[in-house]
PDB file of all heavy atoms in Angstrom:
ATOM      1  N   PHE A   1     -77.830-113.836-187.741  1.00  0.00           N
ATOM      2  CA  PHE A   1     -76.727-114.722-187.876  1.00  0.00           C
ATOM      3  C   PHE A   1     -75.938-114.879-186.535  1.00  0.00           C
ATOM      4  O   PHE A   1     -75.658-115.961-186.096  1.00  0.00           O
ATOM      5  CB  PHE A   1     -75.787-114.265-189.034  1.00  0.00           C
ATOM      6  CG  PHE A   1     -74.501-115.095-189.093  1.00  0.00           C
ATOM      7  CD1 PHE A   1     -74.521-116.345-189.777  1.00  0.00           C
ATOM      8  CD2 PHE A   1     -73.286-114.614-188.672  1.00  0.00           C
ATOM      9  CE1 PHE A   1     -73.368-117.102-189.876  1.00  0.00           C
ATOM     10  CE2 PHE A   1     -72.168-115.330-188.881  1.00  0.00           C
ATOM     11  CZ  PHE A   1     -72.192-116.587-189.425  1.00  0.00           C
ATOM     12  N   ALA A   2     -75.775-113.688-185.872  1.00  0.00           N
ATOM     13  CA  ALA A   2     -75.070-113.706-184.611  1.00  0.00           C
ATOM     14  C   ALA A   2     -75.945-114.436-183.572  1.00  0.00           C
ATOM     15  O   ALA A   2     -75.360-115.108-182.719  1.00  0.00           O
ATOM     16  CB  ALA A   2     -74.760-112.280-184.195  1.00  0.00           C
ATOM     17  N   SER A   3     -77.239-114.216-183.598  1.00  0.00           N
ATOM     18  CA  SER A   3     -78.075-114.831-182.607  1.00  0.00           C
ATOM     19  C   SER A   3     -78.086-116.371-182.741  1.00  0.00           C
ATOM     20  O   SER A   3     -77.974-117.120-181.743  1.00  0.00           O
ATOM     21  CB  SER A   3     -79.487-114.345-182.787  1.00  0.00           C
ATOM     22  OG  SER A   3     -79.673-113.041-182.367  1.00  0.00           O
ATOM     23  N   ARG A   4     -78.105-116.838-183.981  1.00  0.00           N
ATOM     24  CA  ARG A   4     -78.049-118.275-184.214  1.00  0.00           C
ATOM     25  C   ARG A   4     -76.723-118.883-183.831  1.00  0.00           C
ATOM     26  O   ARG A   4     -76.644-119.938-183.282  1.00  0.00           O
ATOM     27  CB  ARG A   4     -78.446-118.607-185.681  1.00  0.00           C
ATOM     28  CG  ARG A   4     -79.751-118.055-186.151  1.00  0.00           C
ATOM     29  CD  ARG A   4     -80.929-118.707-185.459  1.00  0.00           C
ATOM     30  NE  ARG A   4     -82.055-117.785-185.408  1.00  0.00           N
ATOM     31  CZ  ARG A   4     -82.596-117.223-184.382  1.00  0.00           C
ATOM     32  NH1 ARG A   4     -82.112-117.499-183.191  1.00  0.00           N
ATOM     33  NH2 ARG A   4     -83.623-116.448-184.458  1.00  0.00           N
ATOM     34  N   LEU A   5     -75.724-118.124-184.183  1.00  0.00           N
ATOM     35  CA  LEU A   5     -74.271-118.544-183.870  1.00  0.00           C
ATOM     36  C   LEU A   5     -74.080-118.737-182.371  1.00  0.00           C
ATOM     37  O   LEU A   5     -73.340-119.557-181.910  1.00  0.00           O
ATOM     38  CB  LEU A   5     -73.277-117.544-184.401  1.00  0.00           C
ATOM     39  CG  LEU A   5     -71.913-117.972-184.807  1.00  0.00           C
ATOM     40  CD1 LEU A   5     -71.919-119.060-185.859  1.00  0.00           C
ATOM     41  CD2 LEU A   5     -71.082-116.769-185.263  1.00  0.00           C
ATOM     42  N   SER A   6     -74.752-117.846-181.588  1.00  0.00           N
ATOM     43  CA  SER A   6     -74.534-117.872-180.121  1.00  0.00           C
ATOM     44  C   SER A   6     -75.561-118.661-179.381  1.00  0.00           C
ATOM     45  O   SER A   6     -75.628-118.544-178.108  1.00  0.00           O
ATOM     46  CB  SER A   6     -74.486-116.392-179.607  1.00  0.00           C
ATOM     47  OG  SER A   6     -75.652-115.689-179.950  1.00  0.00           O
ATOM     48  N   GLY A   7     -76.345-119.519-180.032  1.00  0.00           N
ATOM     49  CA  GLY A   7     -77.213-120.462-179.323  1.00  0.00           C
ATOM     50  C   GLY A   7     -78.643-120.263-179.373  1.00  0.00           C
ATOM     51  O   GLY A   7     -79.452-120.993-178.730  1.00  0.00           O
ATOM     52  N   SER A   8     -79.115-119.220-180.074  1.00  0.00           N
ATOM     53  CA  SER A   8     -80.609-118.947-180.248  1.00  0.00           C
ATOM     54  C   SER A   8     -81.310-118.804-178.900  1.00  0.00           C
ATOM     55  O   SER A   8     -82.315-119.418-178.640  1.00  0.00           O
ATOM     56  CB  SER A   8     -81.245-120.091-181.082  1.00  0.00           C
ATOM     57  OG  SER A   8     -80.747-120.122-182.387  1.00  0.00           O
ATOM     58  N   SER A   9     -80.768-117.974-178.030  1.00  0.00           N
ATOM     59  CA  SER A   9     -81.397-117.756-176.775  1.00  0.00           C
ATOM     60  C   SER A   9     -82.751-117.152-176.864  1.00  0.00           C
ATOM     61  O   SER A   9     -83.613-117.314-176.032  1.00  0.00           O
ATOM     62  CB  SER A   9     -80.469-116.895-175.836  1.00  0.00           C
ATOM     63  OG  SER A   9     -80.255-115.655-176.436  1.00  0.00           O
ATOM     64  N   ASP A  10     -82.955-116.358-177.973  1.00  0.00           N
ATOM     65  CA  ASP A  10     -84.293-115.757-178.182  1.00  0.00           C
ATOM     66  C   ASP A  10     -85.399-116.859-178.343  1.00  0.00           C
ATOM     67  O   ASP A  10     -86.544-116.552-178.143  1.00  0.00           O
ATOM     68  CB  ASP A  10     -84.222-114.863-179.415  1.00  0.00           C
ATOM     69  CG  ASP A  10     -83.812-115.558-180.646  1.00  0.00           C
ATOM     70  OD1 ASP A  10     -82.921-116.415-180.600  1.00  0.00           O
ATOM     71  OD2 ASP A  10     -84.376-115.234-181.746  1.00  0.00           O
ATOM     72  N   LEU A  11     -84.981-117.982-178.763  1.00  0.00           N
ATOM     73  CA  LEU A  11     -86.025-119.115-178.997  1.00  0.00           C
ATOM     74  C   LEU A  11     -86.104-120.057-177.755  1.00  0.00           C
ATOM     75  O   LEU A  11     -87.162-120.513-177.516  1.00  0.00           O
ATOM     76  CB  LEU A  11     -85.517-119.964-180.209  1.00  0.00           C
ATOM     77  CG  LEU A  11     -85.470-119.285-181.541  1.00  0.00           C
ATOM     78  CD1 LEU A  11     -84.955-120.258-182.584  1.00  0.00           C
ATOM     79  CD2 LEU A  11     -86.805-118.722-181.935  1.00  0.00           C
ATOM     80  N   TYR A  12     -84.991-120.232-176.995  1.00  0.00           N
ATOM     81  CA  TYR A  12     -85.048-121.320-175.975  1.00  0.00           C
ATOM     82  C   TYR A  12     -84.897-120.858-174.523  1.00  0.00           C
ATOM     83  O   TYR A  12     -85.286-121.629-173.631  1.00  0.00           O
ATOM     84  CB  TYR A  12     -83.962-122.322-176.305  1.00  0.00           C
ATOM     85  CG  TYR A  12     -84.112-122.836-177.713  1.00  0.00           C
ATOM     86  CD1 TYR A  12     -83.220-122.531-178.723  1.00  0.00           C
ATOM     87  CD2 TYR A  12     -85.200-123.684-178.079  1.00  0.00           C
ATOM     88  CE1 TYR A  12     -83.296-123.080-179.981  1.00  0.00           C
ATOM     89  CE2 TYR A  12     -85.354-124.194-179.353  1.00  0.00           C
ATOM     90  CZ  TYR A  12     -84.415-123.852-180.312  1.00  0.00           C
ATOM     91  OH  TYR A  12     -84.597-124.306-181.616  1.00  0.00           O
ATOM     92  N   GLU A  13     -84.378-119.655-174.286  1.00  0.00           N
ATOM     93  CA  GLU A  13     -84.066-119.359-172.955  1.00  0.00           C
ATOM     94  C   GLU A  13     -85.318-119.052-172.130  1.00  0.00           C
ATOM     95  O   GLU A  13     -85.379-119.332-170.891  1.00  0.00           O
ATOM     96  CB  GLU A  13     -83.155-118.050-172.868  1.00  0.00           C
ATOM     97  CG  GLU A  13     -82.535-117.789-171.503  1.00  0.00           C
ATOM     98  CD  GLU A  13     -81.518-116.744-171.530  1.00  0.00           C
ATOM     99  OE1 GLU A  13     -81.546-115.867-172.441  1.00  0.00           O
ATOM    100  OE2 GLU A  13     -80.636-116.693-170.639  1.00  0.00           O
ATOM    101  N   HIS A  14     -86.392-118.516-172.740  1.00  0.00           N
ATOM    102  CA  HIS A  14     -87.580-118.233-171.986  1.00  0.00           C
ATOM    103  C   HIS A  14     -88.257-119.452-171.358  1.00  0.00           C
ATOM    104  O   HIS A  14     -88.949-119.213-170.367  1.00  0.00           O
ATOM    105  CB  HIS A  14     -88.595-117.545-172.985  1.00  0.00           C
ATOM    106  CG  HIS A  14     -89.169-118.414-173.972  1.00  0.00           C
ATOM    107  ND1 HIS A  14     -90.303-119.168-173.804  1.00  0.00           N
ATOM    108  CD2 HIS A  14     -88.717-118.717-175.277  1.00  0.00           C
ATOM    109  CE1 HIS A  14     -90.538-119.894-174.929  1.00  0.00           C
ATOM    110  NE2 HIS A  14     -89.553-119.641-175.797  1.00  0.00           N
ATOM    111  N   SER A  15     -88.049-120.576-171.898  1.00  0.00           N
ATOM    112  CA  SER A  15     -88.650-121.816-171.353  1.00  0.00           C
ATOM    113  C   SER A  15     -87.729-122.599-170.377  1.00  0.00           C
ATOM    114  O   SER A  15     -87.959-123.697-169.945  1.00  0.00           O
ATOM    115  CB  SER A  15     -89.072-122.715-172.484  1.00  0.00           C
ATOM    116  OG  SER A  15     -88.004-123.120-173.264  1.00  0.00           O
ATOM    117  N   GLY A  16     -86.629-121.899-169.984  1.00  0.00           N
ATOM    118  CA  GLY A  16     -85.667-122.501-169.045  1.00  0.00           C
ATOM    119  C   GLY A  16     -84.723-123.484-169.678  1.00  0.00           C
ATOM    120  O   GLY A  16     -84.028-124.252-168.995  1.00  0.00           O
ATOM    121  N   ARG A  17     -84.677-123.519-171.048  1.00  0.00           N
ATOM    122  CA  ARG A  17     -83.793-124.446-171.718  1.00  0.00           C
ATOM    123  C   ARG A  17     -82.433-123.813-171.937  1.00  0.00           C
ATOM    124  O   ARG A  17     -82.217-122.628-171.692  1.00  0.00           O
ATOM    125  CB  ARG A  17     -84.375-124.964-173.005  1.00  0.00           C
ATOM    126  CG  ARG A  17     -85.612-125.877-172.763  1.00  0.00           C
ATOM    127  CD  ARG A  17     -86.104-126.462-174.066  1.00  0.00           C
ATOM    128  NE  ARG A  17     -86.890-125.420-174.832  1.00  0.00           N
ATOM    129  CZ  ARG A  17     -87.444-125.733-176.028  1.00  0.00           C
ATOM    130  NH1 ARG A  17     -87.183-126.940-176.618  1.00  0.00           N
ATOM    131  NH2 ARG A  17     -88.202-124.815-176.625  1.00  0.00           N
ATOM    132  N   ARG A  18     -81.496-124.570-172.402  1.00  0.00           N
ATOM    133  CA  ARG A  18     -80.093-124.150-172.570  1.00  0.00           C
ATOM    134  C   ARG A  18     -79.723-124.208-174.044  1.00  0.00           C
ATOM    135  O   ARG A  18     -80.509-124.624-174.876  1.00  0.00           O
ATOM    136  CB  ARG A  18     -79.222-125.055-171.751  1.00  0.00           C
ATOM    137  CG  ARG A  18     -79.596-125.088-170.271  1.00  0.00           C
ATOM    138  CD  ARG A  18     -78.335-125.052-169.427  1.00  0.00           C
ATOM    139  NE  ARG A  18     -78.639-124.979-167.971  1.00  0.00           N
ATOM    140  CZ  ARG A  18     -77.898-125.500-167.048  1.00  0.00           C
ATOM    141  NH1 ARG A  18     -76.761-126.180-167.351  1.00  0.00           N
ATOM    142  NH2 ARG A  18     -78.257-125.386-165.755  1.00  0.00           N
ATOM    143  N   PRO A  19     -78.477-123.723-174.386  1.00  0.00           N
ATOM    144  CA  PRO A  19     -78.115-123.671-175.768  1.00  0.00           C
ATOM    145  C   PRO A  19     -78.298-124.981-176.541  1.00  0.00           C
ATOM    146  O   PRO A  19     -78.667-124.973-177.711  1.00  0.00           O
ATOM    147  CB  PRO A  19     -76.705-123.221-175.749  1.00  0.00           C
ATOM    148  CG  PRO A  19     -76.527-122.478-174.485  1.00  0.00           C
ATOM    149  CD  PRO A  19     -77.446-123.164-173.487  1.00  0.00           C
ATOM    150  N   PHE A  20     -78.121-126.082-175.820  1.00  0.00           N
ATOM    151  CA  PHE A  20     -78.210-127.374-176.529  1.00  0.00           C
ATOM    152  C   PHE A  20     -79.622-127.783-176.822  1.00  0.00           C
ATOM    153  O   PHE A  20     -79.826-128.904-177.471  1.00  0.00           O
ATOM    154  CB  PHE A  20     -77.476-128.467-175.738  1.00  0.00           C
ATOM    155  CG  PHE A  20     -77.912-128.521-174.282  1.00  0.00           C
ATOM    156  CD1 PHE A  20     -79.076-129.029-173.853  1.00  0.00           C
ATOM    157  CD2 PHE A  20     -76.978-128.109-173.265  1.00  0.00           C
ATOM    158  CE1 PHE A  20     -79.437-129.140-172.500  1.00  0.00           C
ATOM    159  CE2 PHE A  20     -77.354-128.220-171.940  1.00  0.00           C
ATOM    160  CZ  PHE A  20     -78.538-128.703-171.550  1.00  0.00           C
ATOM    161  N   ALA A  21     -80.582-126.988-176.510  1.00  0.00           N
ATOM    162  CA  ALA A  21     -81.954-127.194-176.985  1.00  0.00           C
ATOM    163  C   ALA A  21     -82.032-127.029-178.492  1.00  0.00           C
ATOM    164  O   ALA A  21     -82.934-127.489-179.192  1.00  0.00           O
ATOM    165  CB  ALA A  21     -82.954-126.258-176.297  1.00  0.00           C
ATOM    166  N   SER A  22     -81.107-126.246-179.057  1.00  0.00           N
ATOM    167  CA  SER A  22     -81.007-126.078-180.458  1.00  0.00           C
ATOM    168  C   SER A  22     -80.161-127.071-181.234  1.00  0.00           C
ATOM    169  O   SER A  22     -78.967-127.133-181.028  1.00  0.00           O
ATOM    170  CB  SER A  22     -80.435-124.616-180.775  1.00  0.00           C
ATOM    171  OG  SER A  22     -80.330-124.355-182.142  1.00  0.00           O
ATOM    172  N   ILE A  23     -80.836-127.881-182.032  1.00  0.00           N
ATOM    173  CA  ILE A  23     -80.130-128.784-182.910  1.00  0.00           C
ATOM    174  C   ILE A  23     -79.870-128.025-184.185  1.00  0.00           C
ATOM    175  O   ILE A  23     -80.764-127.707-184.943  1.00  0.00           O
ATOM    176  CB  ILE A  23     -80.987-130.017-183.239  1.00  0.00           C
ATOM    177  CG1 ILE A  23     -81.464-130.771-181.913  1.00  0.00           C
ATOM    178  CG2 ILE A  23     -80.165-130.996-184.121  1.00  0.00           C
ATOM    179  CD1 ILE A  23     -80.305-131.322-181.046  1.00  0.00           C
ATOM    180  N   ASN A  24     -78.577-127.660-184.393  1.00  0.00           N
ATOM    181  CA  ASN A  24     -78.180-126.811-185.501  1.00  0.00           C
ATOM    182  C   ASN A  24     -77.823-127.627-186.726  1.00  0.00           C
ATOM    183  O   ASN A  24     -77.004-128.485-186.686  1.00  0.00           O
ATOM    184  CB  ASN A  24     -76.926-126.018-185.056  1.00  0.00           C
ATOM    185  CG  ASN A  24     -77.248-125.105-183.892  1.00  0.00           C
ATOM    186  OD1 ASN A  24     -78.344-124.596-183.712  1.00  0.00           O
ATOM    187  ND2 ASN A  24     -76.192-124.867-183.082  1.00  0.00           N
ATOM    188  N   PHE A  25     -78.577-127.317-187.833  1.00  0.00           N
ATOM    189  CA  PHE A  25     -78.275-128.029-189.075  1.00  0.00           C
ATOM    190  C   PHE A  25     -78.385-127.054-190.292  1.00  0.00           C
ATOM    191  O   PHE A  25     -79.181-126.113-190.157  1.00  0.00           O
ATOM    192  CB  PHE A  25     -79.158-129.209-189.211  1.00  0.00           C
ATOM    193  CG  PHE A  25     -80.651-128.887-189.394  1.00  0.00           C
ATOM    194  CD1 PHE A  25     -81.242-129.088-190.676  1.00  0.00           C
ATOM    195  CD2 PHE A  25     -81.421-128.458-188.418  1.00  0.00           C
ATOM    196  CE1 PHE A  25     -82.570-128.807-190.829  1.00  0.00           C
ATOM    197  CE2 PHE A  25     -82.778-128.159-188.556  1.00  0.00           C
ATOM    198  CZ  PHE A  25     -83.353-128.309-189.781  1.00  0.00           C
ATOM    199  N   VAL A  26     -77.722-127.317-191.260  1.00  0.00           N
ATOM    200  CA  VAL A  26     -77.781-126.578-192.543  1.00  0.00           C
ATOM    201  C   VAL A  26     -78.562-127.463-193.536  1.00  0.00           C
ATOM    202  O   VAL A  26     -79.333-126.905-194.385  1.00  0.00           O
ATOM    203  CB  VAL A  26     -76.419-126.201-193.100  1.00  0.00           C
ATOM    204  CG1 VAL A  26     -76.570-125.527-194.438  1.00  0.00           C
ATOM    205  CG2 VAL A  26     -75.685-125.286-192.040  1.00  0.00           C
ATOM    206  N   THR A  27     -78.311-128.700-193.512  1.00  0.00           N
ATOM    207  CA  THR A  27     -79.063-129.633-194.437  1.00  0.00           C
ATOM    208  C   THR A  27     -79.476-130.890-193.601  1.00  0.00           C
ATOM    209  O   THR A  27     -79.000-131.161-192.602  1.00  0.00           O
ATOM    210  CB  THR A  27     -78.148-130.134-195.588  1.00  0.00           C
ATOM    211  OG1 THR A  27     -76.964-130.766-195.065  1.00  0.00           O
ATOM    212  CG2 THR A  27     -77.735-128.941-196.452  1.00  0.00           C
ATOM    213  N   ALA A  28     -80.504-131.542-194.146  1.00  0.00           N
ATOM    214  CA  ALA A  28     -80.986-132.856-193.567  1.00  0.00           C
ATOM    215  C   ALA A  28     -81.422-133.716-194.736  1.00  0.00           C
ATOM    216  O   ALA A  28     -81.289-133.310-195.881  1.00  0.00           O
ATOM    217  CB  ALA A  28     -82.133-132.556-192.577  1.00  0.00           C
ATOM    218  N   HIS A  29     -82.064-134.819-194.495  1.00  0.00           N
ATOM    219  CA  HIS A  29     -82.481-135.710-195.485  1.00  0.00           C
ATOM    220  C   HIS A  29     -83.465-135.090-196.438  1.00  0.00           C
ATOM    221  O   HIS A  29     -83.511-135.359-197.660  1.00  0.00           O
ATOM    222  CB  HIS A  29     -83.082-136.917-194.890  1.00  0.00           C
ATOM    223  CG  HIS A  29     -84.406-136.701-194.220  1.00  0.00           C
ATOM    224  ND1 HIS A  29     -84.460-136.334-192.861  1.00  0.00           N
ATOM    225  CD2 HIS A  29     -85.671-136.769-194.641  1.00  0.00           C
ATOM    226  CE1 HIS A  29     -85.723-136.152-192.558  1.00  0.00           C
ATOM    227  NE2 HIS A  29     -86.484-136.407-193.616  1.00  0.00           N
ATOM    228  N   ASP A  30     -84.299-134.212-195.908  1.00  0.00           N
ATOM    229  CA  ASP A  30     -85.313-133.529-196.706  1.00  0.00           C
ATOM    230  C   ASP A  30     -84.783-132.198-197.314  1.00  0.00           C
ATOM    231  O   ASP A  30     -84.662-131.226-196.474  1.00  0.00           O
ATOM    232  CB  ASP A  30     -86.530-133.246-195.766  1.00  0.00           C
ATOM    233  CG  ASP A  30     -87.747-132.832-196.543  1.00  0.00           C
ATOM    234  OD1 ASP A  30     -87.693-132.674-197.801  1.00  0.00           O
ATOM    235  OD2 ASP A  30     -88.817-132.604-195.918  1.00  0.00           O
ATOM    236  N   GLY A  31     -84.550-132.190-198.507  1.00  0.00           N
ATOM    237  CA  GLY A  31     -83.968-130.991-199.189  1.00  0.00           C
ATOM    238  C   GLY A  31     -82.654-131.270-199.892  1.00  0.00           C
ATOM    239  O   GLY A  31     -82.245-132.440-200.056  1.00  0.00           O
ATOM    240  N   PHE A  32     -81.999-130.237-200.262  1.00  0.00           N
ATOM    241  CA  PHE A  32     -80.686-130.335-200.980  1.00  0.00           C
ATOM    242  C   PHE A  32     -79.633-130.877-200.034  1.00  0.00           C
ATOM    243  O   PHE A  32     -79.650-130.632-198.838  1.00  0.00           O
ATOM    244  CB  PHE A  32     -80.232-128.963-201.448  1.00  0.00           C
ATOM    245  CG  PHE A  32     -80.877-128.486-202.712  1.00  0.00           C
ATOM    246  CD1 PHE A  32     -81.071-127.097-202.973  1.00  0.00           C
ATOM    247  CD2 PHE A  32     -81.223-129.382-203.771  1.00  0.00           C
ATOM    248  CE1 PHE A  32     -81.622-126.671-204.157  1.00  0.00           C
ATOM    249  CE2 PHE A  32     -81.770-128.900-204.936  1.00  0.00           C
ATOM    250  CZ  PHE A  32     -81.981-127.579-205.129  1.00  0.00           C
ATOM    251  N   THR A  33     -78.711-131.555-200.636  1.00  0.00           N
ATOM    252  CA  THR A  33     -77.457-131.900-199.844  1.00  0.00           C
ATOM    253  C   THR A  33     -76.609-130.622-199.801  1.00  0.00           C
ATOM    254  O   THR A  33     -76.937-129.679-200.474  1.00  0.00           O
ATOM    255  CB  THR A  33     -76.635-132.969-200.552  1.00  0.00           C
ATOM    256  OG1 THR A  33     -76.119-132.512-201.808  1.00  0.00           O
ATOM    257  CG2 THR A  33     -77.427-134.245-200.803  1.00  0.00           C
ATOM    258  N   MET A  34     -75.544-130.649-199.028  1.00  0.00           N
ATOM    259  CA  MET A  34     -74.749-129.415-198.888  1.00  0.00           C
ATOM    260  C   MET A  34     -74.126-129.010-200.254  1.00  0.00           C
ATOM    261  O   MET A  34     -74.044-127.811-200.573  1.00  0.00           O
ATOM    262  CB  MET A  34     -73.702-129.588-197.783  1.00  0.00           C
ATOM    263  CG  MET A  34     -73.194-128.262-197.257  1.00  0.00           C
ATOM    264  SD  MET A  34     -72.116-128.477-195.872  1.00  0.00           S
ATOM    265  CE  MET A  34     -73.285-128.793-194.516  1.00  0.00           C
ATOM    266  N   ARG A  35     -73.653-130.034-201.000  1.00  0.00           N
ATOM    267  CA  ARG A  35     -73.063-129.722-202.275  1.00  0.00           C
ATOM    268  C   ARG A  35     -74.079-129.227-203.192  1.00  0.00           C
ATOM    269  O   ARG A  35     -73.803-128.208-203.984  1.00  0.00           O
ATOM    270  CB  ARG A  35     -72.420-130.957-202.862  1.00  0.00           C
ATOM    271  CG  ARG A  35     -71.723-130.696-204.258  1.00  0.00           C
ATOM    272  CD  ARG A  35     -71.112-131.952-204.891  1.00  0.00           C
ATOM    273  NE  ARG A  35     -69.838-132.309-204.316  1.00  0.00           N
ATOM    274  CZ  ARG A  35     -68.685-131.810-204.741  1.00  0.00           C
ATOM    275  NH1 ARG A  35     -68.637-130.892-205.748  1.00  0.00           N
ATOM    276  NH2 ARG A  35     -67.565-132.180-204.242  1.00  0.00           N
ATOM    277  N   ASP A  36     -75.286-129.780-203.198  1.00  0.00           N
ATOM    278  CA  ASP A  36     -76.337-129.255-204.128  1.00  0.00           C
ATOM    279  C   ASP A  36     -76.832-127.888-203.700  1.00  0.00           C
ATOM    280  O   ASP A  36     -77.251-127.119-204.570  1.00  0.00           O
ATOM    281  CB  ASP A  36     -77.555-130.245-204.131  1.00  0.00           C
ATOM    282  CG  ASP A  36     -77.187-131.541-204.804  1.00  0.00           C
ATOM    283  OD1 ASP A  36     -76.160-131.625-205.456  1.00  0.00           O
ATOM    284  OD2 ASP A  36     -77.990-132.442-204.826  1.00  0.00           O
ATOM    285  N   LEU A  37     -76.670-127.535-202.469  1.00  0.00           N
ATOM    286  CA  LEU A  37     -77.080-126.214-201.916  1.00  0.00           C
ATOM    287  C   LEU A  37     -76.229-125.106-202.581  1.00  0.00           C
ATOM    288  O   LEU A  37     -76.704-124.012-202.725  1.00  0.00           O
ATOM    289  CB  LEU A  37     -76.910-126.185-200.398  1.00  0.00           C
ATOM    290  CG  LEU A  37     -77.541-125.023-199.656  1.00  0.00           C
ATOM    291  CD1 LEU A  37     -79.040-125.059-199.791  1.00  0.00           C
ATOM    292  CD2 LEU A  37     -77.077-125.068-198.171  1.00  0.00           C
ATOM    293  N   VAL A  38     -75.001-125.494-202.953  1.00  0.00           N
ATOM    294  CA  VAL A  38     -74.109-124.465-203.584  1.00  0.00           C
ATOM    295  C   VAL A  38     -73.989-124.718-205.074  1.00  0.00           C
ATOM    296  O   VAL A  38     -73.136-124.136-205.731  1.00  0.00           O
ATOM    297  CB  VAL A  38     -72.723-124.528-202.869  1.00  0.00           C
ATOM    298  CG1 VAL A  38     -72.845-124.172-201.477  1.00  0.00           C
ATOM    299  CG2 VAL A  38     -72.022-125.810-203.133  1.00  0.00           C
ATOM    300  N   THR A  39     -74.783-125.640-205.664  1.00  0.00           N
ATOM    301  CA  THR A  39     -74.659-125.985-207.063  1.00  0.00           C
ATOM    302  C   THR A  39     -75.909-125.717-207.849  1.00  0.00           C
ATOM    303  O   THR A  39     -75.880-125.600-209.024  1.00  0.00           O
ATOM    304  CB  THR A  39     -74.315-127.492-207.154  1.00  0.00           C
ATOM    305  OG1 THR A  39     -73.148-127.821-206.432  1.00  0.00           O
ATOM    306  CG2 THR A  39     -73.999-127.934-208.615  1.00  0.00           C
ATOM    307  N   TYR A  40     -77.066-125.673-207.165  1.00  0.00           N
ATOM    308  CA  TYR A  40     -78.346-125.516-207.881  1.00  0.00           C
ATOM    309  C   TYR A  40     -79.138-124.317-207.223  1.00  0.00           C
ATOM    310  O   TYR A  40     -79.253-124.169-205.989  1.00  0.00           O
ATOM    311  CB  TYR A  40     -79.096-126.776-207.760  1.00  0.00           C
ATOM    312  CG  TYR A  40     -78.486-127.959-208.436  1.00  0.00           C
ATOM    313  CD1 TYR A  40     -77.651-128.815-207.692  1.00  0.00           C
ATOM    314  CD2 TYR A  40     -78.665-128.185-209.862  1.00  0.00           C
ATOM    315  CE1 TYR A  40     -77.085-129.943-208.319  1.00  0.00           C
ATOM    316  CE2 TYR A  40     -78.023-129.308-210.424  1.00  0.00           C
ATOM    317  CZ  TYR A  40     -77.281-130.103-209.675  1.00  0.00           C
ATOM    318  OH  TYR A  40     -76.736-131.206-210.284  1.00  0.00           O
ATOM    319  N   ASN A  41     -79.765-123.561-208.078  1.00  0.00           N
ATOM    320  CA  ASN A  41     -80.785-122.580-207.621  1.00  0.00           C
ATOM    321  C   ASN A  41     -82.128-123.220-207.646  1.00  0.00           C
ATOM    322  O   ASN A  41     -83.063-122.756-206.896  1.00  0.00           O
ATOM    323  CB  ASN A  41     -80.795-121.352-208.573  1.00  0.00           C
ATOM    324  CG  ASN A  41     -79.569-120.432-208.271  1.00  0.00           C
ATOM    325  OD1 ASN A  41     -78.872-120.602-207.271  1.00  0.00           O
ATOM    326  ND2 ASN A  41     -79.422-119.401-209.144  1.00  0.00           N
ATOM    327  N   GLU A  42     -82.393-124.160-208.521  1.00  0.00           N
ATOM    328  CA  GLU A  42     -83.706-124.801-208.674  1.00  0.00           C
ATOM    329  C   GLU A  42     -83.648-126.249-208.341  1.00  0.00           C
ATOM    330  O   GLU A  42     -82.601-126.946-208.577  1.00  0.00           O
ATOM    331  CB  GLU A  42     -84.237-124.566-210.071  1.00  0.00           C
ATOM    332  CG  GLU A  42     -84.258-123.092-210.532  1.00  0.00           C
ATOM    333  CD  GLU A  42     -85.164-122.202-209.712  1.00  0.00           C
ATOM    334  OE1 GLU A  42     -86.127-122.763-209.170  1.00  0.00           O
ATOM    335  OE2 GLU A  42     -84.891-120.993-209.697  1.00  0.00           O
ATOM    336  N   LYS A  43     -84.729-126.811-207.906  1.00  0.00           N
ATOM    337  CA  LYS A  43     -84.832-128.233-207.645  1.00  0.00           C
ATOM    338  C   LYS A  43     -84.943-129.025-209.014  1.00  0.00           C
ATOM    339  O   LYS A  43     -85.496-128.434-209.959  1.00  0.00           O
ATOM    340  CB  LYS A  43     -86.084-128.649-206.770  1.00  0.00           C
ATOM    341  CG  LYS A  43     -87.372-128.212-207.387  1.00  0.00           C
ATOM    342  CD  LYS A  43     -88.500-128.382-206.365  1.00  0.00           C
ATOM    343  CE  LYS A  43     -89.847-127.924-207.084  1.00  0.00           C
ATOM    344  NZ  LYS A  43     -90.962-128.046-206.170  1.00  0.00           N
ATOM    345  N   HIS A  44     -84.448-130.209-209.054  1.00  0.00           N
ATOM    346  CA  HIS A  44     -84.486-131.005-210.245  1.00  0.00           C
ATOM    347  C   HIS A  44     -85.040-132.412-209.927  1.00  0.00           C
ATOM    348  O   HIS A  44     -84.232-133.373-209.732  1.00  0.00           O
ATOM    349  CB  HIS A  44     -83.140-131.102-210.898  1.00  0.00           C
ATOM    350  CG  HIS A  44     -82.632-129.765-211.359  1.00  0.00           C
ATOM    351  ND1 HIS A  44     -82.829-129.280-212.637  1.00  0.00           N
ATOM    352  CD2 HIS A  44     -81.923-128.787-210.671  1.00  0.00           C
ATOM    353  CE1 HIS A  44     -82.291-128.035-212.694  1.00  0.00           C
ATOM    354  NE2 HIS A  44     -81.756-127.724-211.519  1.00  0.00           N
ATOM    355  N   ASN A  45     -86.339-132.467-209.710  1.00  0.00           N
ATOM    356  CA  ASN A  45     -86.960-133.719-209.131  1.00  0.00           C
ATOM    357  C   ASN A  45     -87.716-134.565-210.158  1.00  0.00           C
ATOM    358  O   ASN A  45     -88.658-135.264-209.908  1.00  0.00           O
ATOM    359  CB  ASN A  45     -87.969-133.338-208.075  1.00  0.00           C
ATOM    360  CG  ASN A  45     -87.285-132.637-206.880  1.00  0.00           C
ATOM    361  OD1 ASN A  45     -86.064-132.550-206.823  1.00  0.00           O
ATOM    362  ND2 ASN A  45     -88.069-132.271-205.874  1.00  0.00           N
TER     363      ASN A  45
END
């Protein structure tokens, strides 16, 4: 959690990239919305 919070340098620094190489997201179009993430344990498709 601390590594992700501080920019995920373990993933991106070795290739010469910077913290902004990480597009940080919790939800996207594919998957639960943020409200559904805290409302459902199972998918209802």
